[in-house]
Amino acid sequence: MGGNLFSLKGKVALITGGSRGIGRAIALAFAEAGADVVVCSRNKKPPELEKVAEEIRAMGRKALAIPAHVGKKEDVQNLVQKTLQEFGRIDILVNNAGGNPVLSTLVSLEEEAFEKVMEVNLKGAFLMTKAVAREMIKQGGGRIINISSISGLRARADGTGAYCISKAAMNMMTQVLARELAPHNILVNAIAPGSIKTEFSRVNWTDPERRAQRITEIELKRFGEPEEVMGLALFLASAASSFITGEIIRVDGGQTI
């Protein structure tokens, strides 16, 4: 194969939920590896998002910051269209956008809240993949990386039930897509982070009781950092992982051993 197996030189990456946390870390890692990067977030006034784009440009790479709600078909179409207009192709898609707006048992969860979790965590990844995979098929290949969670592998009774369900469905979607898209040289994998210290998971590392419980579960006895996920994302986006598809890989400090 030769050369730098982890180089993304000449590649174009599209990362949803790219304004902070894991998405931002992956965006910067891809840019450092040579990719031009498009980042999006739901925020319609995206100072954080544009800041990430500026960091990427400072590395000498091209970047676009586009507000988009991935659960809305019109936003997805606009996002993909603008990316193609600017770069002409999409080589890597990272479905990172996600959320869990309320902590509640399933029997107490309002239908609207359940639908909101599914819209962003599952429907968003579906719509993005559907739109981008069509372009990847025309190009002759690509990489799709879904940011799942160990919550999709092991049920929890801590108010995150809908989130667990959405990520379990994402895991199955990853494997179905891996089978469907393999003939087109499109590799589809998922990363399942554990307890990572991000704004999204703030309640788990700021609430003393929840933090103590999580720490007891983690063999490394600490929360992970977003930068500890980006290395695996780079591997899955690069030539180094050319014979890997349909995998759901944990990054959890031993939490699910």
Protein backbone atom coordinates (compact mmCIF):
# COMPACT_ATOMS: atom_id res chain seq x y z
CA MET A 1 0.00 0.00 0.00
CA GLY A 2 2.95 2.30 0.77
CA GLY A 3 3.04 5.89 1.92
CA ASN A 4 1.42 7.20 5.06
CA LEU A 5 -1.47 4.86 5.82
CA PHE A 6 -3.14 7.52 7.98
CA SER A 7 -2.92 10.36 5.47
CA LEU A 8 -6.18 11.97 4.34
CA LYS A 9 -4.51 14.23 1.80
CA GLY A 10 -6.88 15.06 -1.05
CA LYS A 11 -9.92 13.83 0.89
CA VAL A 12 -13.08 15.77 1.81
CA ALA A 13 -14.73 14.99 5.14
CA LEU A 14 -18.21 16.00 6.31
CA ILE A 15 -18.74 15.91 10.08
CA THR A 16 -22.09 16.51 11.76
CA GLY A 17 -22.18 17.89 15.29
CA GLY A 18 -18.76 19.34 14.60
CA SER A 19 -18.78 22.44 16.79
CA ARG A 20 -17.50 20.88 20.02
CA GLY A 21 -16.59 17.70 21.86
CA ILE A 22 -15.93 14.56 19.86
CA GLY A 23 -17.01 16.13 16.56
CA ARG A 24 -14.57 19.02 16.92
CA ALA A 25 -11.71 16.71 17.91
CA ILE A 26 -12.34 14.53 14.85
CA ALA A 27 -12.59 17.55 12.54
CA LEU A 28 -9.22 18.88 13.70
CA ALA A 29 -7.58 15.45 13.48
CA PHE A 30 -8.81 14.97 9.91
CA ALA A 31 -7.54 18.43 8.92
CA GLU A 32 -4.16 17.69 10.48
CA ALA A 33 -4.06 14.49 8.42
CA GLY A 34 -4.60 16.54 5.25
CA ALA A 35 -8.35 16.56 4.65
CA ASP A 36 -10.54 19.51 3.78
CA VAL A 37 -13.42 19.54 6.24
CA VAL A 38 -17.06 20.59 6.39
CA VAL A 39 -18.58 20.88 9.86
CA CYS A 40 -22.22 21.40 10.72
CA SER A 41 -24.35 21.87 13.83
CA ARG A 42 -27.98 22.65 14.65
CA ASN A 43 -27.11 26.10 16.00
CA LYS A 44 -28.37 28.67 13.49
CA LYS A 45 -25.92 31.27 14.81
CA PRO A 46 -22.81 29.13 14.97
CA PRO A 47 -19.89 31.04 16.50
CA GLU A 48 -18.46 27.78 17.89
CA LEU A 49 -18.85 26.11 14.51
CA GLU A 50 -17.11 28.92 12.63
CA LYS A 51 -14.33 28.87 15.20
CA VAL A 52 -13.66 25.22 14.37
CA ALA A 53 -13.56 26.12 10.67
CA GLU A 54 -11.05 28.87 11.43
CA GLU A 55 -8.86 26.41 13.33
CA ILE A 56 -8.91 24.10 10.32
CA ARG A 57 -8.00 26.93 7.93
CA ALA A 58 -5.11 27.83 10.20
CA MET A 59 -3.71 24.37 9.44
CA GLY A 60 -3.68 25.24 5.75
CA ARG A 61 -6.78 23.24 4.89
CA LYS A 62 -10.09 24.39 3.42
CA ALA A 63 -13.15 24.41 5.68
CA LEU A 64 -16.85 25.19 5.60
CA ALA A 65 -19.14 25.77 8.60
CA ILE A 66 -22.79 25.14 7.71
CA PRO A 67 -25.71 25.27 10.16
CA ALA A 68 -27.95 22.24 9.60
CA HIS A 69 -30.44 20.13 11.53
CA VAL A 70 -29.66 16.61 10.31
CA GLY A 71 -33.14 15.42 11.24
CA LYS A 72 -34.62 17.75 8.62
CA LYS A 73 -34.46 16.53 5.03
CA GLU A 74 -34.25 20.06 3.60
CA ASP A 75 -31.27 20.92 5.83
CA VAL A 76 -29.50 17.71 4.85
CA GLN A 77 -30.01 18.38 1.15
CA ASN A 78 -28.70 21.92 1.52
CA LEU A 79 -25.68 20.73 3.52
CA VAL A 80 -24.70 18.09 0.97
CA GLN A 81 -25.33 20.41 -1.97
CA LYS A 82 -23.15 23.19 -0.54
CA THR A 83 -20.39 20.70 0.21
CA LEU A 84 -20.44 19.38 -3.36
CA GLN A 85 -20.54 22.89 -4.78
CA GLU A 86 -17.43 23.83 -2.82
CA PHE A 87 -15.40 20.61 -3.03
CA GLY A 88 -17.00 18.46 -5.74
CA ARG A 89 -16.95 15.28 -3.67
CA ILE A 90 -17.40 13.75 -0.21
CA ASP A 91 -14.98 10.99 0.77
CA ILE A 92 -15.73 10.65 4.48
CA LEU A 93 -18.96 11.11 6.42
CA VAL A 94 -18.96 11.19 10.22
CA ASN A 95 -22.44 10.99 11.72
CA ASN A 96 -21.67 12.51 15.10
CA ALA A 97 -24.71 14.72 15.78
CA GLY A 98 -26.75 13.44 18.69
CA GLY A 99 -28.58 14.36 21.83
CA ASN A 100 -30.62 13.30 24.82
CA PRO A 101 -32.75 16.30 25.84
CA VAL A 102 -34.37 14.80 28.92
CA LEU A 103 -33.60 12.20 31.58
CA SER A 104 -36.63 10.00 32.12
CA THR A 105 -37.73 6.40 32.44
CA LEU A 106 -39.32 5.13 29.24
CA VAL A 107 -42.77 4.79 30.80
CA SER A 108 -42.67 8.42 31.93
CA LEU A 109 -41.09 9.80 28.75
CA GLU A 110 -43.24 12.12 26.66
CA GLU A 111 -43.79 11.03 23.08
CA GLU A 112 -42.39 14.32 21.80
CA ALA A 113 -39.13 13.79 23.68
CA PHE A 114 -38.81 10.24 22.36
CA GLU A 115 -39.33 11.47 18.81
CA LYS A 116 -36.74 14.22 19.26
CA VAL A 117 -34.10 11.70 20.38
CA MET A 118 -34.84 9.46 17.41
CA GLU A 119 -34.94 12.36 14.97
CA VAL A 120 -31.40 13.49 15.70
CA ASN A 121 -29.66 10.28 16.77
CA LEU A 122 -31.14 7.85 14.25
CA LYS A 123 -33.13 9.61 11.54
CA GLY A 124 -30.38 12.21 11.14
CA ALA A 125 -27.72 9.57 10.51
CA PHE A 126 -30.09 7.81 8.10
CA LEU A 127 -30.82 10.95 6.09
CA MET A 128 -27.17 11.99 5.99
CA THR A 129 -26.01 8.54 4.93
CA LYS A 130 -28.70 8.26 2.28
CA ALA A 131 -27.71 11.59 0.72
CA VAL A 132 -23.94 11.14 0.95
CA ALA A 133 -23.78 7.45 -0.01
CA ARG A 134 -25.37 8.24 -3.36
CA GLU A 135 -22.44 10.55 -4.12
CA MET A 136 -19.92 8.02 -2.81
CA ILE A 137 -21.36 5.38 -5.13
CA LYS A 138 -20.79 7.71 -8.09
CA GLN A 139 -17.22 8.33 -6.90
CA GLY A 140 -16.45 4.65 -6.52
CA GLY A 141 -16.11 4.49 -2.75
CA GLY A 142 -15.96 6.23 0.60
CA ARG A 143 -16.03 5.88 4.37
CA ILE A 144 -18.97 6.33 6.73
CA ILE A 145 -18.31 6.49 10.47
CA ASN A 146 -21.22 6.52 12.89
CA ILE A 147 -20.59 7.80 16.40
CA SER A 148 -22.68 5.44 18.47
CA SER A 149 -22.29 4.70 22.20
CA ILE A 150 -21.78 1.84 24.58
CA SER A 151 -25.32 2.74 25.65
CA GLY A 152 -26.39 0.99 22.46
CA LEU A 153 -24.66 -2.19 23.64
CA ARG A 154 -25.79 -2.32 27.25
CA ALA A 155 -29.10 -1.11 28.67
CA ARG A 156 -29.09 1.49 31.44
CA ALA A 157 -31.79 2.41 33.96
CA ASP A 158 -30.56 5.96 34.56
CA GLY A 159 -33.04 7.97 32.51
CA THR A 160 -31.25 7.49 29.18
CA GLY A 161 -33.46 4.70 27.85
CA ALA A 162 -34.50 6.43 24.62
CA TYR A 163 -30.87 7.30 23.93
CA CYS A 164 -29.88 3.64 24.47
CA ILE A 165 -32.55 2.52 22.00
CA SER A 166 -31.49 5.06 19.38
CA LYS A 167 -27.85 3.98 19.56
CA ALA A 168 -28.72 0.28 19.46
CA ALA A 169 -30.65 1.01 16.28
CA MET A 170 -27.68 2.96 14.91
CA ASN A 171 -25.47 -0.07 15.51
CA MET A 172 -27.77 -2.29 13.47
CA MET A 173 -28.06 0.38 10.78
CA THR A 174 -24.25 0.43 10.60
CA GLN A 175 -24.09 -3.29 9.93
CA VAL A 176 -26.94 -3.29 7.41
CA LEU A 177 -25.31 -0.43 5.52
CA ALA A 178 -21.95 -2.19 5.63
CA ARG A 179 -23.50 -5.12 3.79
CA GLU A 180 -25.47 -3.00 1.34
CA LEU A 181 -22.63 -0.64 0.46
CA ALA A 182 -19.69 -3.07 0.39
CA PRO A 183 -20.16 -3.75 -3.37
CA HIS A 184 -19.62 0.00 -3.92
CA ASN A 185 -16.34 0.08 -1.94
CA ILE A 186 -17.98 2.09 0.85
CA LEU A 187 -16.88 1.00 4.32
CA VAL A 188 -19.30 1.63 7.19
CA ASN A 189 -18.24 1.36 10.82
CA ALA A 190 -19.32 2.70 14.20
CA ILE A 191 -17.41 4.00 17.18
CA ALA A 192 -19.04 3.37 20.55
CA PRO A 193 -17.58 5.80 23.11
CA GLY A 194 -18.10 5.24 26.80
CA SER A 195 -17.94 7.99 29.39
CA ILE A 196 -16.24 10.83 27.53
CA LYS A 197 -15.92 14.25 29.14
CA THR A 198 -17.94 16.48 26.80
CA GLU A 199 -20.61 19.14 27.18
CA PHE A 200 -23.18 16.56 26.06
CA SER A 201 -22.32 14.28 28.98
CA ARG A 202 -21.88 17.09 31.51
CA VAL A 203 -24.46 15.67 33.93
CA ASN A 204 -22.42 12.47 34.23
CA TRP A 205 -19.20 14.19 35.33
CA THR A 206 -20.59 17.16 37.26
CA ASP A 207 -23.27 15.40 39.30
CA PRO A 208 -21.33 13.78 42.20
CA GLU A 209 -23.58 10.72 42.45
CA ARG A 210 -23.62 9.97 38.72
CA ARG A 211 -19.89 10.62 38.43
CA ALA A 212 -19.08 8.25 41.29
CA GLN A 213 -21.24 5.54 39.76
CA ARG A 214 -19.59 5.89 36.33
CA ILE A 215 -16.09 5.84 37.77
CA THR A 216 -16.79 2.55 39.54
CA GLU A 217 -17.78 1.06 36.15
CA ILE A 218 -14.66 2.20 34.27
CA GLU A 219 -11.58 0.02 34.62
CA LEU A 220 -9.25 2.98 33.97
CA LYS A 221 -11.07 4.91 36.75
CA ARG A 222 -11.45 8.15 34.81
CA PHE A 223 -13.54 9.76 32.11
CA GLY A 224 -12.13 9.78 28.59
CA GLU A 225 -11.34 12.91 26.60
CA PRO A 226 -12.66 13.70 23.08
CA GLU A 227 -9.12 13.46 21.75
CA GLU A 228 -9.07 9.81 22.82
CA VAL A 229 -11.79 9.04 20.28
CA MET A 230 -10.30 10.90 17.32
CA GLY A 231 -7.44 8.42 16.76
CA LEU A 232 -9.88 5.60 16.03
CA ALA A 233 -11.92 7.88 13.74
CA LEU A 234 -8.75 8.73 11.80
CA PHE A 235 -7.90 5.03 11.51
CA LEU A 236 -11.38 4.22 10.15
CA ALA A 237 -11.22 7.12 7.68
CA SER A 238 -7.79 6.19 6.36
CA ALA A 239 -6.21 3.52 4.17
CA ALA A 240 -5.06 1.74 7.34
CA SER A 241 -8.57 0.27 7.79
CA SER A 242 -9.20 -0.78 4.17
CA PHE A 243 -10.43 -4.29 5.11
CA ILE A 244 -12.67 -3.31 8.02
CA THR A 245 -16.41 -2.76 7.68
CA GLY A 246 -19.50 -3.41 9.79
CA GLU A 247 -17.62 -3.07 13.08
CA ILE A 248 -18.83 -1.39 16.26
CA ILE A 249 -15.67 -0.50 18.17
CA ARG A 250 -15.75 0.51 21.83
CA VAL A 251 -13.68 3.35 23.26
CA ASP A 252 -14.67 3.11 26.90
CA GLY A 253 -11.68 2.57 29.18
CA GLY A 254 -12.83 -0.97 29.90
CA GLN A 255 -16.34 0.04 30.95
CA THR A 256 -18.01 -2.84 29.09
CA ILE A 257 -15.45 -5.60 29.63
